[in-house]
């Protein structure tokens, strides 16, 4: 039995068992990534789809994902590989792709505009070991690495990866402890700490999905953007106003089908509110 130190849960994992995320296991008394190299999803995408709007716009990037997640968002669009019983079946038949094979795949698409790899779809940080090994190879080839993450990880995980990550899109899913705790099963403070550290090391864009009745008020958006606008770089200079924020529209799915899609007018209204403090605000799914 061993304790996993990747996120706030600090799961005590029995030998051969798995943690809350479904992807970290205990082998010979040591916690390792059971999902190492187990790839469920692979695609060549426009980088704007991550979404990253102000990092290498017009480029393409290989999106790659495994299985497992340390949150429990009831509206997850990738629930088949993230946290449902279906994810365990995906894990059993996922293709094994070594970091070397992934870097070779990425290089083979350079002629189609590919600039590197984006670790996405499920939560990549619960399998940070694979991200680290693959990202090192990508940099050796002169290609870039992108993380699309919920930011729910200890800072030592982030610092381990920082030298090899060029850009991130981090979910800032809301700005109340209630929403993070009761709806998502997460920890808002951990995400905020993660973002504060990340912006000091690479290009960061943020995404907030607006869920009706949960995180959709002007007051919450003002509080969120006030905090973002105060973020600083490594030298202590305020860079927050220039951090891009993507405000996206919710659609009912998975376990959250008890409400309508977010009103388009509300999305644009909240974007207007966000622009009071932030210079780069984008709307999505509208």
Protein backbone atom coordinates (compact mmCIF):
# COMPACT_ATOMS: atom_id res chain seq x y z
CA UNK A 1 0.00 0.00 0.00
CA UNK A 2 1.22 3.50 -0.83
CA UNK A 3 -0.01 7.10 -0.87
CA UNK A 4 -0.36 8.90 -4.21
CA UNK A 5 0.88 12.47 -3.98
CA UNK A 6 -0.28 13.77 -7.38
CA UNK A 7 -3.37 15.70 -6.25
CA UNK A 8 -5.25 16.84 -3.16
CA UNK A 9 -6.90 13.45 -2.70
CA UNK A 10 -3.69 11.72 -1.57
CA UNK A 11 -5.27 8.33 -2.23
CA UNK A 12 -4.02 5.44 -0.12
CA UNK A 13 -3.77 2.74 -2.81
CA UNK A 14 -3.61 -0.96 -1.98
CA UNK A 15 -1.21 -3.21 -3.85
CA UNK A 16 -2.73 -3.82 -7.28
CA UNK A 17 -5.53 -1.35 -6.67
CA UNK A 18 -6.23 2.01 -8.25
CA UNK A 19 -6.81 5.48 -6.90
CA UNK A 20 -9.86 7.69 -7.31
CA UNK A 21 -8.72 8.72 -10.80
CA UNK A 22 -8.75 5.12 -12.00
CA UNK A 23 -5.32 5.51 -13.55
CA UNK A 24 -2.77 5.39 -10.74
CA UNK A 25 -1.95 2.08 -9.12
CA UNK A 26 0.35 0.54 -6.51
CA UNK A 27 2.99 -1.91 -7.67
CA UNK A 28 5.53 -3.36 -5.24
CA UNK A 29 4.69 -0.61 -2.76
CA UNK A 30 5.17 2.25 -5.22
CA UNK A 31 2.53 4.39 -6.93
CA UNK A 32 2.84 4.36 -10.72
CA UNK A 33 0.74 5.30 -13.73
CA UNK A 34 -1.35 2.32 -14.79
CA UNK A 35 -2.33 4.27 -17.89
CA UNK A 36 1.28 4.86 -19.03
CA UNK A 37 1.26 4.75 -22.84
CA UNK A 38 -2.33 3.52 -22.98
CA UNK A 39 -3.77 5.73 -25.69
CA UNK A 40 -7.53 5.94 -26.24
CA UNK A 41 -7.63 8.98 -28.55
CA UNK A 42 -5.34 10.42 -31.21
CA UNK A 43 -6.15 13.14 -33.76
CA UNK A 44 -4.62 15.99 -35.75
CA UNK A 45 -6.41 19.22 -34.76
CA UNK A 46 -6.17 22.96 -35.30
CA UNK A 47 -4.48 24.36 -32.23
CA UNK A 48 -7.44 26.73 -31.77
CA UNK A 49 -9.52 23.67 -30.85
CA UNK A 50 -7.60 23.12 -27.57
CA UNK A 51 -8.55 26.03 -27.21
CA UNK A 52 -5.38 28.09 -27.68
CA UNK A 53 -6.00 31.30 -29.58
CA UNK A 54 -2.81 33.23 -28.97
CA UNK A 55 -0.20 30.46 -29.19
CA UNK A 56 1.00 29.60 -32.70
CA UNK A 57 -2.36 30.45 -34.34
CA UNK A 58 -3.05 28.65 -37.60
CA UNK A 59 -0.98 25.63 -36.59
CA UNK A 60 -2.03 22.01 -36.31
CA UNK A 61 -1.21 19.76 -33.37
CA UNK A 62 -1.51 16.06 -32.55
CA UNK A 63 -4.03 15.60 -29.73
CA UNK A 64 -3.44 12.53 -27.60
CA UNK A 65 -5.29 11.15 -24.59
CA UNK A 66 -5.36 8.17 -22.25
CA UNK A 67 -7.98 7.36 -19.61
CA UNK A 68 -8.87 8.46 -16.09
CA UNK A 69 -9.55 11.76 -14.30
CA UNK A 70 -9.36 13.09 -10.75
CA UNK A 71 -12.53 15.21 -11.06
CA UNK A 72 -16.14 14.09 -11.48
CA UNK A 73 -17.75 16.77 -13.66
CA UNK A 74 -21.30 15.53 -14.28
CA UNK A 75 -21.38 17.12 -17.74
CA UNK A 76 -18.08 15.65 -18.98
CA UNK A 77 -17.99 15.37 -22.76
CA UNK A 78 -15.28 12.68 -22.59
CA UNK A 79 -16.88 10.60 -19.85
CA UNK A 80 -16.27 7.38 -21.78
CA UNK A 81 -12.55 7.66 -21.05
CA UNK A 82 -12.58 9.81 -17.95
CA UNK A 83 -14.61 8.51 -15.04
CA UNK A 84 -17.42 6.16 -15.99
CA UNK A 85 -17.47 2.35 -15.88
CA UNK A 86 -17.00 2.57 -19.64
CA UNK A 87 -13.54 4.04 -19.03
CA UNK A 88 -12.37 0.78 -17.50
CA UNK A 89 -13.39 -1.06 -20.65
CA UNK A 90 -11.53 1.53 -22.74
CA UNK A 91 -8.48 0.96 -20.57
CA UNK A 92 -8.50 -2.74 -21.32
CA UNK A 93 -8.40 -2.22 -25.09
CA UNK A 94 -6.40 1.00 -25.33
CA UNK A 95 -3.47 0.90 -27.73
CA UNK A 96 -0.01 0.98 -26.20
CA UNK A 97 2.09 3.72 -27.81
CA UNK A 98 5.56 4.37 -26.46
CA UNK A 99 6.87 7.94 -26.12
CA UNK A 100 9.22 7.17 -29.00
CA UNK A 101 6.35 6.03 -31.19
CA UNK A 102 4.29 9.10 -30.30
CA UNK A 103 7.15 11.44 -31.20
CA UNK A 104 7.57 9.60 -34.50
CA UNK A 105 3.85 10.00 -35.25
CA UNK A 106 4.04 13.71 -34.45
CA UNK A 107 7.05 14.18 -36.72
CA UNK A 108 5.33 12.34 -39.57
CA UNK A 109 2.64 15.05 -39.65
CA UNK A 110 5.00 18.00 -39.88
CA UNK A 111 4.19 18.28 -43.56
CA UNK A 112 0.55 18.88 -42.62
CA UNK A 113 1.44 21.78 -40.35
CA UNK A 114 1.87 19.81 -37.11
CA UNK A 115 3.96 21.62 -34.50
CA UNK A 116 3.89 19.03 -31.71
CA UNK A 117 1.64 17.20 -29.26
CA UNK A 118 -1.24 18.29 -27.04
CA UNK A 119 -1.93 16.03 -24.05
CA UNK A 120 -5.70 16.25 -23.67
CA UNK A 121 -9.08 14.40 -23.70
CA UNK A 122 -8.70 12.86 -20.23
CA UNK A 123 -6.69 14.49 -17.42
CA UNK A 124 -3.03 14.23 -18.52
CA UNK A 125 -1.49 15.07 -15.14
CA UNK A 126 -2.63 11.82 -13.52
CA UNK A 127 -0.26 10.16 -15.98
CA UNK A 128 2.43 12.82 -15.80
CA UNK A 129 5.22 10.25 -16.20
CA UNK A 130 4.19 9.55 -19.78
CA UNK A 131 3.77 13.25 -20.51
CA UNK A 132 7.28 13.87 -19.19
CA UNK A 133 8.94 11.12 -21.21
CA UNK A 134 7.14 12.04 -24.44
CA UNK A 135 7.59 15.79 -23.98
CA UNK A 136 11.34 15.43 -23.59
CA UNK A 137 11.52 13.65 -26.94
CA UNK A 138 9.32 16.25 -28.60
CA UNK A 139 11.67 19.04 -27.51
CA UNK A 140 14.66 17.08 -28.79
CA UNK A 141 12.92 17.08 -32.18
CA UNK A 142 12.27 20.83 -32.05
CA UNK A 143 8.52 20.41 -31.58
CA UNK A 144 6.23 21.82 -28.89
CA UNK A 145 4.19 20.37 -26.04
CA UNK A 146 0.76 21.54 -24.91
CA UNK A 147 -1.20 20.54 -21.80
CA UNK A 148 -4.98 20.76 -21.64
CA UNK A 149 -5.66 20.23 -17.95
CA UNK A 150 -8.02 20.81 -15.05
CA UNK A 151 -5.06 22.06 -13.01
CA UNK A 152 -5.84 19.73 -10.12
CA UNK A 153 -2.31 18.65 -9.22
CA UNK A 154 0.36 19.38 -6.67
CA UNK A 155 2.93 21.98 -7.68
CA UNK A 156 5.76 19.44 -7.71
CA UNK A 157 4.01 17.72 -10.65
CA UNK A 158 3.83 21.01 -12.52
CA UNK A 159 7.46 21.84 -11.74
CA UNK A 160 8.55 18.42 -12.97
CA UNK A 161 6.94 19.10 -16.34
CA UNK A 162 7.57 22.84 -16.63
CA UNK A 163 10.87 22.67 -18.58
CA UNK A 164 9.15 20.73 -21.37
CA UNK A 165 5.74 22.41 -21.65
CA UNK A 166 5.31 25.33 -24.05
CA UNK A 167 1.63 26.17 -23.55
CA UNK A 168 -1.35 25.18 -21.43
CA UNK A 169 -5.07 25.60 -21.47
CA UNK A 170 -6.22 25.27 -17.88
CA UNK A 171 -9.84 24.94 -16.79
CA UNK A 172 -10.85 27.52 -14.23
CA UNK A 173 -14.27 25.95 -13.97
CA UNK A 174 -15.80 28.45 -11.61
CA UNK A 175 -14.89 30.67 -8.70
CA UNK A 176 -16.63 29.27 -5.64
CA UNK A 177 -15.52 26.49 -3.32
CA UNK A 178 -19.07 25.14 -3.31
CA UNK A 179 -19.08 24.55 -7.07
CA UNK A 180 -15.66 22.90 -7.08
CA UNK A 181 -16.42 20.75 -4.05
CA UNK A 182 -20.09 19.80 -4.48
CA UNK A 183 -20.49 19.67 -8.27
CA UNK A 184 -17.03 18.82 -9.62
CA UNK A 185 -15.52 16.95 -6.68
CA UNK A 186 -12.47 19.21 -6.85
CA UNK A 187 -10.43 21.77 -4.96
CA UNK A 188 -10.50 25.39 -6.16
CA UNK A 189 -7.46 26.47 -4.14
CA UNK A 190 -5.31 23.78 -5.74
CA UNK A 191 -6.32 24.97 -9.21
CA UNK A 192 -5.63 28.60 -8.35
CA UNK A 193 -2.18 27.72 -7.00
CA UNK A 194 -1.49 25.70 -10.13
CA UNK A 195 -2.46 28.61 -12.39
CA UNK A 196 -0.38 31.09 -10.39
CA UNK A 197 2.68 28.89 -10.92
CA UNK A 198 1.95 27.97 -14.53
CA UNK A 199 1.72 31.55 -15.79
CA UNK A 200 5.26 32.14 -14.57
CA UNK A 201 6.64 29.43 -16.82
CA UNK A 202 4.80 29.19 -20.14
CA UNK A 203 1.97 30.54 -22.26
CA UNK A 204 -1.35 29.97 -20.45
CA UNK A 205 -4.95 30.36 -21.56
CA UNK A 206 -7.94 29.67 -19.30
CA UNK A 207 -11.36 28.18 -20.00
CA UNK A 208 -14.57 28.60 -18.00
CA UNK A 209 -17.63 26.57 -19.00
CA UNK A 210 -20.76 28.46 -17.93
CA UNK A 211 -23.30 26.05 -16.44
CA UNK A 212 -26.80 27.46 -15.84
CA UNK A 213 -27.60 27.82 -12.17
CA UNK A 214 -24.05 26.97 -11.07
CA UNK A 215 -21.42 29.54 -12.09
CA UNK A 216 -23.35 31.89 -14.33
CA UNK A 217 -23.61 35.15 -12.38
CA UNK A 218 -22.02 38.48 -13.19
CA UNK A 219 -20.70 38.68 -9.63
CA UNK A 220 -18.83 35.39 -9.97
CA UNK A 221 -17.38 36.39 -13.33
CA UNK A 222 -16.22 39.69 -11.85
CA UNK A 223 -14.56 37.87 -8.95
CA UNK A 224 -12.89 35.39 -11.29
CA UNK A 225 -11.54 38.00 -13.68
CA UNK A 226 -10.41 40.28 -10.85
CA UNK A 227 -8.25 37.42 -9.58
CA UNK A 228 -6.93 36.55 -13.05
CA UNK A 229 -6.11 40.19 -13.78
CA UNK A 230 -3.77 40.29 -10.79
CA UNK A 231 -1.60 37.32 -11.80
CA UNK A 232 2.11 38.05 -12.12
CA UNK A 233 5.11 36.67 -13.98
CA UNK A 234 8.33 35.37 -12.44
CA UNK A 235 9.65 38.91 -11.98
CA UNK A 236 6.50 40.03 -10.21
CA UNK A 237 5.15 42.03 -13.15
CA UNK A 238 1.38 41.96 -13.56
CA UNK A 239 0.47 39.95 -16.68
CA UNK A 240 -3.07 38.94 -15.76
CA UNK A 241 -4.94 41.31 -18.09
CA UNK A 242 -3.22 39.69 -21.08
CA UNK A 243 -4.06 36.08 -20.13
CA UNK A 244 -6.70 34.84 -22.60
CA UNK A 245 -9.99 33.61 -21.13
CA UNK A 246 -12.36 31.35 -23.09
CA UNK A 247 -15.96 31.54 -21.88
CA UNK A 248 -17.85 28.57 -23.28
CA UNK A 249 -21.44 27.47 -23.51
CA UNK A 250 -22.75 24.42 -21.65
CA UNK A 251 -24.84 21.73 -23.36
CA UNK A 252 -26.69 19.07 -21.33
CA UNK A 253 -25.07 15.66 -21.44
CA UNK A 254 -24.02 12.62 -19.39
CA UNK A 255 -25.36 13.07 -15.82
CA UNK A 256 -26.40 16.71 -16.20
CA UNK A 257 -29.44 16.78 -18.45
CA UNK A 258 -31.73 18.61 -16.05
CA UNK A 259 -31.17 22.05 -17.62
CA UNK A 260 -31.11 23.77 -20.98
CA UNK A 261 -27.99 24.88 -22.85
CA UNK A 262 -26.58 28.15 -21.59
CA UNK A 263 -28.34 31.14 -23.10
CA UNK A 264 -26.17 32.60 -25.85
CA UNK A 265 -26.99 36.11 -24.73
CA UNK A 266 -25.71 35.29 -21.24
CA UNK A 267 -22.40 34.05 -22.65
CA UNK A 268 -21.88 37.31 -24.52
CA UNK A 269 -22.94 39.32 -21.47
CA UNK A 270 -20.44 37.51 -19.24
CA UNK A 271 -17.76 38.00 -21.88
CA UNK A 272 -18.49 41.73 -21.78
CA UNK A 273 -18.10 41.65 -18.01
CA UNK A 274 -14.80 39.77 -18.33
CA UNK A 275 -13.49 42.40 -20.74
CA UNK A 276 -13.73 44.99 -17.98
CA UNK A 277 -10.45 43.53 -16.68
CA UNK A 278 -9.09 41.18 -19.36
CA UNK A 279 -7.84 42.12 -22.84
CA UNK A 280 -8.41 38.78 -24.59
CA UNK A 281 -11.80 37.19 -23.98
CA UNK A 282 -13.27 34.65 -26.38
CA UNK A 283 -16.64 32.90 -26.51
CA UNK A 284 -17.06 29.25 -27.45
CA UNK A 285 -19.80 26.80 -28.42
CA UNK A 286 -22.10 29.66 -29.46
